Amino acid sequence: MKYRMLSLVRLLLCALFLPLFSACEWLEKIGTRTPTPEAAGPVAGPVKGPHGGRWLADGEFALEVTIFERGVPPEFRVYAYEARKPLDPAGLKLTIEVRRLAGRVDTIRFTPVNDYLLGDQEIYEPHSFAVQATAERQGRKHLLEYSQYEARVEVDPEARKVAGVEIAEAGPAQIRRILELPGEIALNPDRVAHIVPRFDGVVTEIRKNLGDKVAKGETLAVLESRELASSNLEFVQAVQKLEFSSAAFEREEALWKKKVSPEEDYLARRQALEEDRLAARGAEQWLKALGVTDAELKGLLANSEQNLARHEIRAPQDGVVIEKRVAVGAAVKDDADLFTIADLGTVLAKVTIYDNDLRSVRTGQEVTVKSEALGAEARGKLEYLGPMIGKETRAAVAHVLMPNPNQLWRPGLFVTVFVVQEEFTVPVAVAAEAVQQLRDWEVVFLQEGNLFEACPLELGRRDEQWVEVLGGLPAGMKYVAKNSFLIKADILKSGATHDH
C-alpha cells in the first residue's frame, strides 16, 4: 500500500510541476529500470531474463534467448543488453548454431524486429539441443553457449540387450496399400474325392476310418456283390470264348490258304472272332468302369477259384478320410457316398469382396492370409473372382489357393485376407512398430552412443511393416526399431520436461 501511495505522489508531481518531461522520462529520472536477472534474487536452474528467456552474459554484454510460440511456429527471439540496459537490435549481428543429437546442426541467422532479433528458422520439437550464439557489436565478438534437453534418456548397452532394444537405420522401403477382407478356409474342390461302390453289395470289411491318411490305390473297404460276380463271370467267359475263337480262326485260315476250306467258312470264322473280341473288350471295360483294376482282372483269369463277388474299394488319390458313411454288414447301393477323401496339402481361402471394393481387386493379385486364432499367415494369389454379386450379401466371392504342407489351415477357419492394392518405394521410412506417441507427437527415438531422444516425425503412407517419413528424419539416421516403447517408458519415468 505504501508503495502504491508513493507512485501516485510521483505521478501528481510530474503532472503539476514538470510539464516539460514526459511521464516515462520522469520515471527513468527517479530510478525505474528494466528488471535484470540479478534483481530477481537467487533462482534455481538457468537464469531467466525479463522476457522469461535464457540469460547469457559475457561481461557487461548479455543476450536473453527466448523461444516464442504463441500463435506462430516456435522461433528464436533474442534481446540484447549492455550494462543491464536494452540495446538497439539494429546494431547487432547474431548467428546461433543449434546442435542436436546424432550430429544434426541448424545455423540460424537473425534480423532486427522492433526491440528484438528474430531467427529465420522454425525451432522444431523437441527443444533439446546445445546452443552456441555468436554476437558482433562495435567490432567486438561475443561467444555465448548453453544447453537444454528434453525427451532424452541414457541407456547403457547391457540394459538395451536385456530389453531386446534393436537399432536400425532410416532409409528407402517398399510400402504397400492394403485392403482387408474377411474370408474362410475351405477344401480345394479339385483335391476332394467322393468314393462310391458303383454297384450294389454288402460291406464285409472296413480298413480306413475318419482322420486316417491314405495313399492312392490303398484299400478303404471290401465289398461283396452279386452284380459284380455276374460281371466278373461274364468277363472270364468272354475271354475264354475269345481264346477258343482265336484258335478256331487260325485253324480255319490255314485250311483256307491251302484251299481245303471254302472262303465263306473263313470269312464267317473271322467275323465270329471279331465279335468275341468286342465282347471280351466290352466286359473288360465294364469292370474297369466299376473300379476293378488291371491287377484284379489278371487275377480273375489266373485263378479260377477266386471269389468273383469280392471287390476292394480303393482310394483314387492321396489324402485324409474326412467323411465316412459306411459300416461292416451294411447293404449299399451303387451310388452310395461311402467315403470322402481330401488332399489337405492345398486349401482355398474363400474371400468376401463387397461391391464397393471390387474395383480394387483383380485376379492374379498377391494376397496375405492371416489367422489371429493360429497366429499364422500364408501368401497366395487370387485365382478366381466370381462374376456374380449375392443378393443378400451384396458381395462377390474370390478364391485364394494356399499351400498347406503342415495341415495348419483347417477348413472352416475364419481368416483375414490382405490384398495388395498398390506398391511403391519411398525414400525414407521407419519400421511401423518403432513409432510411438509422445505428448502430441508421433516419434521415433534417435540413438547416439548411449543417448536416446524423441524425434517428432511428419508421417505419410504406411503398411503393416513400414511408415513413410515426410519430414523430421533424414535417411541414414539410427533409430530404435524394436521395443521402442521401453525407451518411451524410461523418458516418461525420468520426468523430462518441455524446457524453453
Protein backbone atom coordinates (compact mmCIF):
# COMPACT_ATOMS: atom_id res chain seq x y z
CA MET A 1 0.00 0.00 0.00
CA LYS A 2 2.87 2.33 0.89
CA TYR A 3 4.49 1.69 -2.50
CA ARG A 4 1.26 2.46 -4.36
CA MET A 5 0.86 5.77 -2.48
CA LEU A 6 4.41 6.82 -3.37
CA SER A 7 3.76 6.03 -7.04
CA LEU A 8 0.61 8.21 -7.07
CA VAL A 9 2.50 11.09 -5.46
CA ARG A 10 5.24 10.87 -8.06
CA LEU A 11 2.75 10.95 -10.93
CA LEU A 12 1.00 14.01 -9.47
CA LEU A 13 4.29 15.88 -9.09
CA CYS A 14 5.17 15.01 -12.66
CA ALA A 15 1.88 16.37 -13.99
CA LEU A 16 1.78 19.54 -11.87
CA PHE A 17 5.38 20.75 -11.63
CA LEU A 18 7.32 19.21 -14.51
CA PRO A 19 5.31 19.68 -17.72
CA LEU A 20 8.45 19.66 -19.84
CA PHE A 21 9.14 15.99 -19.04
CA SER A 22 7.06 13.06 -20.13
CA ALA A 23 5.86 10.54 -17.59
CA CYS A 24 8.30 7.95 -18.88
CA GLU A 25 11.24 10.33 -18.68
CA TRP A 26 10.29 11.22 -15.17
CA LEU A 27 10.12 7.64 -14.07
CA GLU A 28 13.54 6.99 -15.58
CA LYS A 29 14.92 10.07 -13.77
CA ILE A 30 13.76 8.77 -10.41
CA GLY A 31 15.30 5.33 -10.97
CA THR A 32 12.74 2.98 -12.63
CA ARG A 33 14.77 0.46 -14.76
CA THR A 34 14.29 -2.71 -16.83
CA PRO A 35 14.43 -5.70 -14.46
CA THR A 36 17.58 -7.79 -14.63
CA PRO A 37 18.22 -11.40 -13.52
CA GLU A 38 20.16 -10.14 -10.51
CA ALA A 39 17.21 -8.03 -9.40
CA ALA A 40 15.09 -11.14 -9.14
CA GLY A 41 17.35 -12.66 -6.48
CA PRO A 42 18.78 -16.18 -6.43
CA VAL A 43 17.00 -18.75 -8.67
CA ALA A 44 17.17 -22.50 -9.21
CA GLY A 45 18.29 -23.73 -12.63
CA PRO A 46 19.04 -21.45 -15.61
CA VAL A 47 18.96 -17.70 -15.04
CA LYS A 48 15.91 -16.09 -16.65
CA GLY A 49 15.70 -12.69 -18.22
CA PRO A 50 12.84 -10.12 -18.10
CA HIS A 51 11.06 -11.85 -21.02
CA GLY A 52 11.35 -15.26 -19.43
CA GLY A 53 14.18 -16.35 -21.71
CA ARG A 54 17.61 -17.84 -21.05
CA TRP A 55 20.04 -15.14 -19.77
CA LEU A 56 23.57 -15.40 -21.22
CA ALA A 57 26.21 -12.87 -20.17
CA ASP A 58 29.72 -12.02 -21.39
CA GLY A 59 30.91 -9.27 -19.06
CA GLU A 60 28.57 -6.28 -19.41
CA PHE A 61 27.14 -7.69 -22.63
CA ALA A 62 24.20 -10.11 -22.36
CA LEU A 63 21.66 -11.90 -24.52
CA GLU A 64 18.24 -13.14 -23.49
CA VAL A 65 17.31 -16.09 -25.72
CA THR A 66 13.60 -16.90 -25.87
CA ILE A 67 11.63 -19.43 -27.87
CA PHE A 68 8.36 -17.77 -28.82
CA GLU A 69 5.46 -19.97 -29.98
CA ARG A 70 2.23 -18.18 -29.15
CA GLY A 71 0.22 -18.21 -32.37
CA VAL A 72 3.27 -18.94 -34.54
CA PRO A 73 5.64 -21.89 -35.05
CA PRO A 74 8.41 -21.88 -32.42
CA GLU A 75 11.04 -19.22 -33.23
CA PHE A 76 14.04 -17.65 -31.56
CA ARG A 77 13.54 -14.10 -30.30
CA VAL A 78 16.70 -12.66 -28.78
CA TYR A 79 17.01 -9.48 -26.73
CA ALA A 80 20.41 -7.75 -26.26
CA TYR A 81 21.62 -5.79 -23.24
CA GLU A 82 24.68 -3.75 -22.27
CA ALA A 83 25.23 -2.97 -18.59
CA ARG A 84 21.73 -4.24 -17.94
CA LYS A 85 20.13 -1.78 -20.35
CA PRO A 86 18.34 -2.86 -23.53
CA LEU A 87 20.29 -2.43 -26.78
CA ASP A 88 19.00 -1.43 -30.17
CA PRO A 89 18.99 -4.78 -32.10
CA ALA A 90 19.84 -2.99 -35.35
CA GLY A 91 23.43 -2.54 -34.21
CA LEU A 92 23.98 -6.24 -33.55
CA LYS A 93 24.92 -9.13 -35.83
CA LEU A 94 23.84 -12.50 -34.42
CA THR A 95 24.18 -16.12 -35.51
CA ILE A 96 23.12 -19.17 -33.48
CA GLU A 97 24.13 -22.77 -34.11
CA VAL A 98 21.72 -25.37 -32.72
CA ARG A 99 23.41 -28.72 -32.24
CA ARG A 100 21.09 -31.70 -31.80
CA LEU A 101 21.58 -35.40 -31.18
CA ALA A 102 23.22 -37.53 -33.89
CA GLY A 103 25.21 -34.62 -35.35
CA ARG A 104 22.34 -32.52 -36.66
CA VAL A 105 23.25 -28.81 -36.79
CA ASP A 106 20.97 -25.90 -37.72
CA THR A 107 22.51 -22.46 -38.38
CA ILE A 108 20.09 -19.63 -37.63
CA ARG A 109 20.58 -16.03 -38.69
CA PHE A 110 18.74 -13.05 -37.27
CA THR A 111 17.19 -9.79 -38.38
CA PRO A 112 16.05 -6.92 -36.11
CA VAL A 113 12.32 -6.64 -35.45
CA ASN A 114 11.12 -3.95 -33.02
CA ASP A 115 13.18 -4.45 -29.86
CA TYR A 116 14.45 -7.99 -30.57
CA LEU A 117 16.27 -10.12 -33.11
CA LEU A 118 14.14 -12.70 -34.96
CA GLY A 119 15.55 -16.05 -36.15
CA ASP A 120 14.99 -17.17 -39.74
CA GLN A 121 14.08 -20.83 -38.96
CA GLU A 122 11.44 -22.71 -37.04
CA ILE A 123 12.81 -24.31 -33.86
CA TYR A 124 11.23 -27.71 -34.26
CA GLU A 125 10.46 -30.01 -31.36
CA PRO A 126 11.82 -31.33 -29.16
CA HIS A 127 13.67 -28.33 -27.86
CA SER A 128 16.61 -30.46 -26.87
CA PHE A 129 19.94 -29.12 -28.06
CA ALA A 130 23.19 -27.26 -27.36
CA VAL A 131 23.16 -23.61 -28.41
CA GLN A 132 26.21 -21.58 -29.46
CA ALA A 133 25.49 -17.90 -30.08
CA THR A 134 27.97 -15.61 -31.86
CA ALA A 135 27.21 -11.90 -31.50
CA GLU A 136 29.18 -8.99 -33.04
CA ARG A 137 28.77 -5.39 -31.89
CA GLN A 138 31.03 -2.40 -32.41
CA GLY A 139 33.89 -4.62 -33.55
CA ARG A 140 33.69 -6.91 -30.57
CA LYS A 141 32.68 -10.59 -30.81
CA HIS A 142 30.90 -12.43 -28.02
CA LEU A 143 30.60 -16.24 -27.85
CA LEU A 144 27.77 -17.47 -25.58
CA GLU A 145 26.61 -21.05 -25.00
CA TYR A 146 24.00 -23.07 -23.17
CA SER A 147 22.33 -26.49 -23.38
CA GLN A 148 18.81 -27.73 -22.72
CA TYR A 149 17.46 -31.24 -23.02
CA GLU A 150 14.04 -32.84 -23.12
CA ALA A 151 12.63 -36.23 -24.18
CA ARG A 152 16.13 -37.66 -23.78
CA VAL A 153 17.40 -40.61 -21.75
CA GLU A 154 20.64 -42.53 -21.36
CA VAL A 155 20.53 -46.36 -21.57
CA ASP A 156 23.67 -48.48 -21.33
CA PRO A 157 24.32 -51.34 -23.84
CA GLU A 158 23.73 -54.11 -21.30
CA ALA A 159 20.28 -52.79 -20.41
CA ARG A 160 19.40 -52.47 -24.11
CA LYS A 161 20.47 -56.04 -24.74
CA VAL A 162 18.38 -57.39 -21.87
CA ALA A 163 15.35 -55.38 -23.03
CA GLY A 164 15.72 -56.51 -26.65
CA VAL A 165 16.08 -52.96 -27.97
CA GLU A 166 17.22 -53.08 -31.60
CA ILE A 167 18.64 -50.25 -33.70
CA ALA A 168 18.00 -49.69 -37.42
CA GLU A 169 18.84 -47.03 -39.98
CA ALA A 170 16.18 -44.92 -41.69
CA GLY A 171 16.19 -45.39 -45.44
CA PRO A 172 14.20 -46.41 -48.54
CA ALA A 173 11.47 -49.03 -48.23
CA GLN A 174 8.63 -50.53 -50.24
CA ILE A 175 5.20 -49.68 -48.87
CA ARG A 176 2.03 -51.46 -49.85
CA ARG A 177 -1.53 -50.15 -49.75
CA ILE A 178 -3.56 -52.96 -48.26
CA LEU A 179 -7.27 -53.86 -48.44
CA GLU A 180 -8.52 -56.07 -45.60
CA LEU A 181 -11.24 -58.59 -46.47
CA PRO A 182 -12.98 -61.36 -44.48
CA GLY A 183 -12.51 -64.96 -45.55
CA GLU A 184 -12.89 -68.60 -44.59
CA ILE A 185 -10.68 -71.61 -45.24
CA ALA A 186 -12.33 -74.28 -47.41
CA LEU A 187 -11.36 -77.52 -49.11
CA ASN A 188 -9.75 -77.34 -52.51
CA PRO A 189 -12.55 -78.86 -54.63
CA ASP A 190 -10.02 -80.13 -57.18
CA ARG A 191 -8.44 -82.28 -54.46
CA VAL A 192 -11.59 -83.85 -52.97
CA ALA A 193 -12.75 -87.37 -53.92
CA HIS A 194 -16.11 -88.98 -53.12
CA ILE A 195 -15.94 -92.77 -53.00
CA VAL A 196 -18.96 -94.72 -54.32
CA PRO A 197 -19.10 -98.53 -54.87
CA ARG A 198 -20.65 -98.29 -58.40
CA PHE A 199 -22.67 -101.44 -57.81
CA ASP A 200 -24.95 -102.85 -55.13
CA GLY A 201 -23.41 -105.03 -52.44
CA VAL A 202 -22.72 -105.76 -48.79
CA VAL A 203 -19.72 -104.33 -46.88
CA THR A 204 -17.63 -107.13 -45.38
CA GLU A 205 -14.58 -105.17 -44.18
CA ILE A 206 -13.60 -101.58 -43.26
CA ARG A 207 -9.91 -100.72 -43.36
CA LYS A 208 -9.91 -96.93 -43.01
CA ASN A 209 -11.67 -94.63 -40.58
CA LEU A 210 -12.16 -90.89 -40.06
CA GLY A 211 -8.94 -88.95 -39.95
CA ASP A 212 -6.81 -91.74 -41.41
CA LYS A 213 -4.25 -90.81 -44.01
CA VAL A 214 -4.47 -92.82 -47.21
CA ALA A 215 -2.30 -93.25 -50.29
CA LYS A 216 -3.54 -93.55 -53.83
CA GLY A 217 -4.57 -97.17 -54.51
CA GLU A 218 -4.84 -98.11 -50.83
CA THR A 219 -7.86 -100.25 -49.85
CA LEU A 220 -10.59 -98.43 -47.92
CA ALA A 221 -13.19 -101.19 -47.64
CA VAL A 222 -14.13 -104.62 -49.04
CA LEU A 223 -17.48 -105.27 -50.68
CA GLU A 224 -19.24 -108.44 -51.93
CA SER A 225 -21.71 -108.04 -54.77
CA ARG A 226 -23.77 -110.46 -56.83
CA GLU A 227 -23.80 -107.85 -59.60
CA LEU A 228 -20.01 -107.78 -59.56
CA ALA A 229 -19.83 -111.59 -59.52
CA SER A 230 -22.06 -111.71 -62.59
CA SER A 231 -19.93 -109.13 -64.38
CA ASN A 232 -16.71 -110.94 -63.42
CA LEU A 233 -18.12 -114.22 -64.68
CA GLU A 234 -19.19 -112.61 -67.94
CA PHE A 235 -15.69 -111.24 -68.39
CA VAL A 236 -13.99 -114.57 -67.71
CA GLN A 237 -16.35 -116.34 -70.09
CA ALA A 238 -15.81 -113.71 -72.77
CA VAL A 239 -12.04 -114.03 -72.53
CA GLN A 240 -12.21 -117.82 -72.68
CA LYS A 241 -14.53 -117.68 -75.66
CA LEU A 242 -12.17 -115.24 -77.36
CA GLU A 243 -9.27 -117.62 -76.86
CA PHE A 244 -11.28 -120.50 -78.41
CA SER A 245 -12.49 -118.31 -81.26
CA SER A 246 -8.94 -117.11 -81.95
CA ALA A 247 -7.63 -120.69 -82.16
CA ALA A 248 -10.53 -121.72 -84.43
CA PHE A 249 -9.88 -118.78 -86.71
CA GLU A 250 -6.18 -119.60 -87.03
CA ARG A 251 -7.08 -123.19 -87.99
CA GLU A 252 -9.73 -122.08 -90.49
CA GLU A 253 -7.37 -119.52 -92.00
CA ALA A 254 -4.69 -122.20 -92.55
CA LEU A 255 -7.21 -124.50 -94.28
CA TRP A 256 -8.46 -121.67 -96.45
CA LYS A 257 -4.95 -120.76 -97.53
CA LYS A 258 -4.36 -124.42 -98.51
CA LYS A 259 -7.65 -124.24 -100.46
CA VAL A 260 -9.03 -127.04 -98.32
CA SER A 261 -11.79 -124.88 -96.76
CA PRO A 262 -14.09 -122.59 -98.70
CA GLU A 263 -13.71 -118.84 -98.36
CA GLU A 264 -17.14 -118.35 -96.85
CA ASP A 265 -16.17 -120.54 -93.87
CA TYR A 266 -13.01 -118.49 -93.40
CA LEU A 267 -14.95 -115.20 -93.50
CA ALA A 268 -17.59 -116.50 -91.08
CA ARG A 269 -14.89 -117.58 -88.61
CA ARG A 270 -13.16 -114.17 -88.86
CA GLN A 271 -16.44 -112.37 -88.17
CA ALA A 272 -17.08 -114.60 -85.16
CA LEU A 273 -13.57 -113.79 -83.87
CA GLU A 274 -14.20 -110.05 -84.11
CA GLU A 275 -17.50 -110.39 -82.30
CA ASP A 276 -15.89 -112.36 -79.49
CA ARG A 277 -13.04 -109.85 -79.28
CA LEU A 278 -15.54 -106.99 -78.94
CA ALA A 279 -17.46 -108.91 -76.31
CA ALA A 280 -14.31 -109.54 -74.25
CA ARG A 281 -13.22 -105.93 -74.56
CA GLY A 282 -16.68 -104.73 -73.54
CA ALA A 283 -16.70 -106.98 -70.48
CA GLU A 284 -13.24 -105.71 -69.50
CA GLN A 285 -14.18 -102.03 -69.92
CA TRP A 286 -17.33 -102.56 -67.90
CA LEU A 287 -15.37 -103.95 -64.98
CA LYS A 288 -12.83 -101.11 -65.16
CA ALA A 289 -15.69 -98.65 -65.08
CA LEU A 290 -16.79 -100.34 -61.87
CA GLY A 291 -13.37 -99.75 -60.35
CA VAL A 292 -11.75 -103.15 -60.99
CA THR A 293 -8.00 -102.73 -61.55
CA ASP A 294 -5.84 -104.39 -64.20
CA ALA A 295 -4.21 -106.46 -61.47
CA GLU A 296 -7.60 -107.73 -60.34
CA LEU A 297 -8.56 -108.57 -63.91
CA LYS A 298 -5.38 -110.60 -64.35
CA GLY A 299 -6.12 -112.31 -61.05
CA LEU A 300 -9.56 -113.34 -62.29
CA LEU A 301 -8.04 -115.02 -65.31
CA ALA A 302 -5.14 -116.60 -63.41
CA ASN A 303 -7.13 -118.05 -60.51
CA SER A 304 -10.30 -119.89 -61.37
CA GLU A 305 -11.02 -120.35 -57.64
CA GLN A 306 -11.09 -116.62 -56.90
CA ASN A 307 -14.19 -115.15 -55.23
CA LEU A 308 -15.89 -113.34 -58.10
CA ALA A 309 -18.16 -111.35 -55.78
CA ARG A 310 -15.33 -109.76 -53.74
CA HIS A 311 -14.20 -106.21 -54.53
CA GLU A 312 -11.75 -103.89 -52.82
CA ILE A 313 -12.73 -100.22 -52.83
CA ARG A 314 -9.54 -98.19 -53.25
CA ALA A 315 -8.51 -94.57 -52.76
CA PRO A 316 -8.23 -92.67 -56.07
CA GLN A 317 -5.75 -90.15 -54.59
CA ASP A 318 -3.60 -89.34 -51.57
CA GLY A 319 -5.38 -87.61 -48.73
CA VAL A 320 -7.21 -87.85 -45.43
CA VAL A 321 -10.57 -89.50 -44.76
CA ILE A 322 -12.77 -86.55 -43.78
CA GLU A 323 -16.13 -88.36 -44.04
CA LYS A 324 -17.18 -91.98 -43.56
CA ARG A 325 -20.77 -93.21 -44.06
CA VAL A 326 -20.43 -96.99 -44.04
CA ALA A 327 -20.21 -99.87 -41.58
CA VAL A 328 -19.48 -103.58 -41.80
CA GLY A 329 -22.56 -105.54 -42.84
CA ALA A 330 -24.28 -102.57 -44.41
CA ALA A 331 -26.05 -103.12 -47.74
CA VAL A 332 -25.09 -100.30 -50.04
CA LYS A 333 -26.39 -99.06 -53.35
CA ASP A 334 -24.21 -98.41 -56.36
CA ASP A 335 -24.36 -94.61 -55.83
CA ALA A 336 -23.85 -94.57 -52.04
CA ASP A 337 -21.26 -91.99 -50.88
CA LEU A 338 -19.16 -94.24 -48.64
CA PHE A 339 -16.07 -92.08 -48.03
CA THR A 340 -14.82 -88.57 -48.74
CA ILE A 341 -11.08 -88.12 -49.12
CA ALA A 342 -9.44 -84.70 -49.21
CA ASP A 343 -5.88 -83.82 -50.03
CA LEU A 344 -5.21 -81.05 -47.48
CA GLY A 345 -1.82 -80.21 -48.97
CA THR A 346 -3.61 -77.25 -50.54
CA VAL A 347 -6.72 -75.40 -49.39
CA LEU A 348 -8.79 -72.47 -50.57
CA ALA A 349 -9.40 -69.19 -48.79
CA LYS A 350 -12.87 -68.08 -49.83
CA VAL A 351 -12.84 -64.28 -49.72
CA THR A 352 -15.85 -62.00 -49.43
CA ILE A 353 -15.44 -58.88 -51.60
CA TYR A 354 -18.09 -56.22 -51.10
CA ASP A 355 -19.31 -54.30 -54.11
CA ASN A 356 -17.54 -51.03 -53.19
CA ASP A 357 -14.17 -52.87 -53.07
CA LEU A 358 -14.50 -54.69 -56.40
CA ARG A 359 -12.61 -52.02 -58.34
CA SER A 360 -9.57 -52.61 -56.13
CA VAL A 361 -9.45 -56.37 -56.68
CA ARG A 362 -8.44 -58.46 -59.69
CA THR A 363 -7.27 -61.99 -60.35
CA GLY A 364 -3.53 -62.51 -60.06
CA GLN A 365 -3.10 -60.06 -57.15
CA GLU A 366 -0.80 -61.14 -54.34
CA VAL A 367 -2.55 -61.58 -51.01
CA THR A 368 -1.64 -62.48 -47.45
CA VAL A 369 -3.98 -64.70 -45.45
CA LYS A 370 -3.80 -64.30 -41.67
CA SER A 371 -5.44 -66.07 -38.76
CA GLU A 372 -5.49 -64.40 -35.35
CA ALA A 373 -6.53 -67.69 -33.77
CA LEU A 374 -3.47 -69.51 -35.14
CA GLY A 375 -1.10 -66.55 -35.10
CA ALA A 376 -0.08 -67.61 -38.61
CA GLU A 377 -0.04 -66.20 -42.12
CA ALA A 378 0.44 -67.51 -45.66
CA ARG A 379 0.86 -65.92 -49.07
CA GLY A 380 -1.00 -66.68 -52.25
CA LYS A 381 -2.73 -65.20 -55.31
CA LEU A 382 -6.33 -64.52 -56.20
CA GLU A 383 -7.08 -67.41 -58.55
CA TYR A 384 -10.77 -66.71 -59.13
CA LEU A 385 -13.13 -63.75 -58.84
CA GLY A 386 -16.81 -64.59 -59.03
CA PRO A 387 -18.83 -62.84 -61.77
CA MET A 388 -21.98 -62.60 -59.62
CA ILE A 389 -22.99 -60.41 -56.65
CA GLY A 390 -25.01 -62.07 -53.89
CA LYS A 391 -28.49 -60.59 -53.50
CA GLU A 392 -28.34 -60.67 -49.71
CA THR A 393 -24.63 -60.19 -49.07
CA ARG A 394 -24.03 -57.65 -51.88
CA ALA A 395 -20.65 -59.25 -52.27
CA ALA A 396 -18.72 -61.38 -54.71
CA VAL A 397 -16.62 -64.42 -53.80
CA ALA A 398 -12.95 -64.84 -54.66
CA HIS A 399 -10.67 -67.85 -54.16
CA VAL A 400 -7.07 -67.90 -52.99
CA LEU A 401 -5.21 -71.20 -53.46
CA MET A 402 -2.92 -71.75 -50.47
CA PRO A 403 -0.22 -74.34 -49.75
CA ASN A 404 -0.90 -76.23 -46.54
CA PRO A 405 2.04 -78.62 -46.05
CA ASN A 406 1.58 -78.98 -42.28
CA GLN A 407 -2.23 -79.01 -42.48
CA LEU A 408 -2.31 -75.99 -40.19
CA TRP A 409 -5.07 -74.29 -42.17
CA ARG A 410 -8.22 -76.23 -41.35
CA PRO A 411 -11.40 -75.82 -43.43
CA GLY A 412 -13.95 -73.69 -41.59
CA LEU A 413 -11.31 -71.41 -40.03
CA PHE A 414 -12.12 -67.68 -40.27
CA VAL A 415 -9.28 -65.57 -41.65
CA THR A 416 -8.48 -62.05 -42.78
CA VAL A 417 -7.19 -61.60 -46.31
CA PHE A 418 -4.93 -58.65 -47.10
CA VAL A 419 -4.95 -57.65 -50.76
CA VAL A 420 -2.07 -55.55 -52.11
CA GLN A 421 -3.70 -52.65 -53.94
CA GLU A 422 -0.55 -50.69 -54.72
CA GLU A 423 3.18 -51.00 -54.08
CA PHE A 424 5.65 -48.12 -54.19
CA THR A 425 9.11 -47.17 -52.94
CA VAL A 426 9.60 -44.22 -50.58
CA PRO A 427 12.99 -42.55 -49.97
CA VAL A 428 12.78 -42.57 -46.16
CA ALA A 429 10.81 -44.95 -43.97
CA VAL A 430 10.94 -46.37 -40.46
CA ALA A 431 9.61 -49.60 -39.01
CA ALA A 432 5.93 -49.27 -38.10
CA GLU A 433 6.48 -50.75 -34.64
CA ALA A 434 9.15 -48.09 -33.94
CA VAL A 435 6.65 -45.21 -33.98
CA GLN A 436 5.37 -44.13 -30.56
CA GLN A 437 3.01 -41.43 -29.31
CA LEU A 438 4.71 -38.93 -27.00
CA ARG A 439 2.76 -35.88 -25.91
CA ASP A 440 1.05 -34.79 -29.14
CA TRP A 441 3.84 -36.12 -31.37
CA GLU A 442 4.39 -39.27 -33.32
CA VAL A 443 8.06 -40.04 -32.71
CA VAL A 444 10.90 -42.44 -33.13
CA PHE A 445 13.85 -42.44 -30.75
CA LEU A 446 17.21 -41.47 -32.23
CA GLN A 447 20.38 -43.08 -30.95
CA GLU A 448 23.83 -41.64 -30.43
CA GLY A 449 26.01 -43.84 -28.28
CA ASN A 450 24.09 -44.42 -25.07
CA LEU A 451 21.79 -41.43 -25.59
CA PHE A 452 18.25 -41.75 -26.95
CA GLU A 453 15.99 -38.85 -27.80
CA ALA A 454 12.47 -38.47 -29.21
CA CYS A 455 12.34 -37.23 -32.79
CA PRO A 456 8.87 -35.97 -33.91
CA LEU A 457 8.02 -37.03 -37.44
CA GLU A 458 5.76 -35.97 -40.25
CA LEU A 459 4.41 -39.29 -41.49
CA GLY A 460 2.82 -40.32 -44.76
CA ARG A 461 1.66 -43.62 -46.18
CA ARG A 462 2.07 -46.80 -44.20
CA ASP A 463 1.52 -50.52 -44.19
CA GLU A 464 1.93 -53.17 -41.52
CA GLN A 465 5.73 -53.10 -41.75
CA TRP A 466 6.80 -49.58 -42.78
CA VAL A 467 5.80 -45.94 -42.34
CA GLU A 468 6.83 -43.26 -44.81
CA VAL A 469 8.68 -40.28 -43.29
CA LEU A 470 7.83 -36.97 -44.97
CA GLY A 471 9.76 -34.78 -42.56
CA GLY A 472 11.77 -34.71 -39.35
CA LEU A 473 14.20 -37.53 -40.09
CA PRO A 474 16.75 -37.75 -42.93
CA ALA A 475 17.91 -41.04 -44.39
CA GLY A 476 20.83 -42.69 -42.61
CA MET A 477 19.82 -41.73 -39.07
CA LYS A 478 19.89 -44.51 -36.47
CA TYR A 479 16.70 -45.10 -34.51
CA VAL A 480 15.15 -47.68 -32.18
CA ALA A 481 13.32 -50.12 -34.43
CA LYS A 482 12.21 -52.74 -31.90
CA ASN A 483 10.89 -52.41 -28.35
CA SER A 484 10.88 -48.62 -28.64
CA PHE A 485 8.10 -48.47 -26.04
CA LEU A 486 10.75 -49.26 -23.40
CA ILE A 487 12.71 -46.13 -24.32
CA LYS A 488 9.47 -44.13 -24.14
CA ALA A 489 8.79 -45.54 -20.67
CA ASP A 490 12.28 -44.51 -19.50
CA ILE A 491 11.79 -40.97 -20.80
CA LEU A 492 8.43 -40.63 -19.07
CA LYS A 493 9.87 -42.08 -15.89
CA SER A 494 12.77 -39.61 -15.95
CA GLY A 495 10.29 -36.72 -15.95
CA ALA A 496 11.86 -34.85 -18.89
CA THR A 497 10.03 -31.53 -19.32
CA HIS A 498 9.30 -29.13 -22.12
CA ASP A 499 12.15 -26.69 -21.49
CA HIS A 500 12.33 -23.25 -23.07
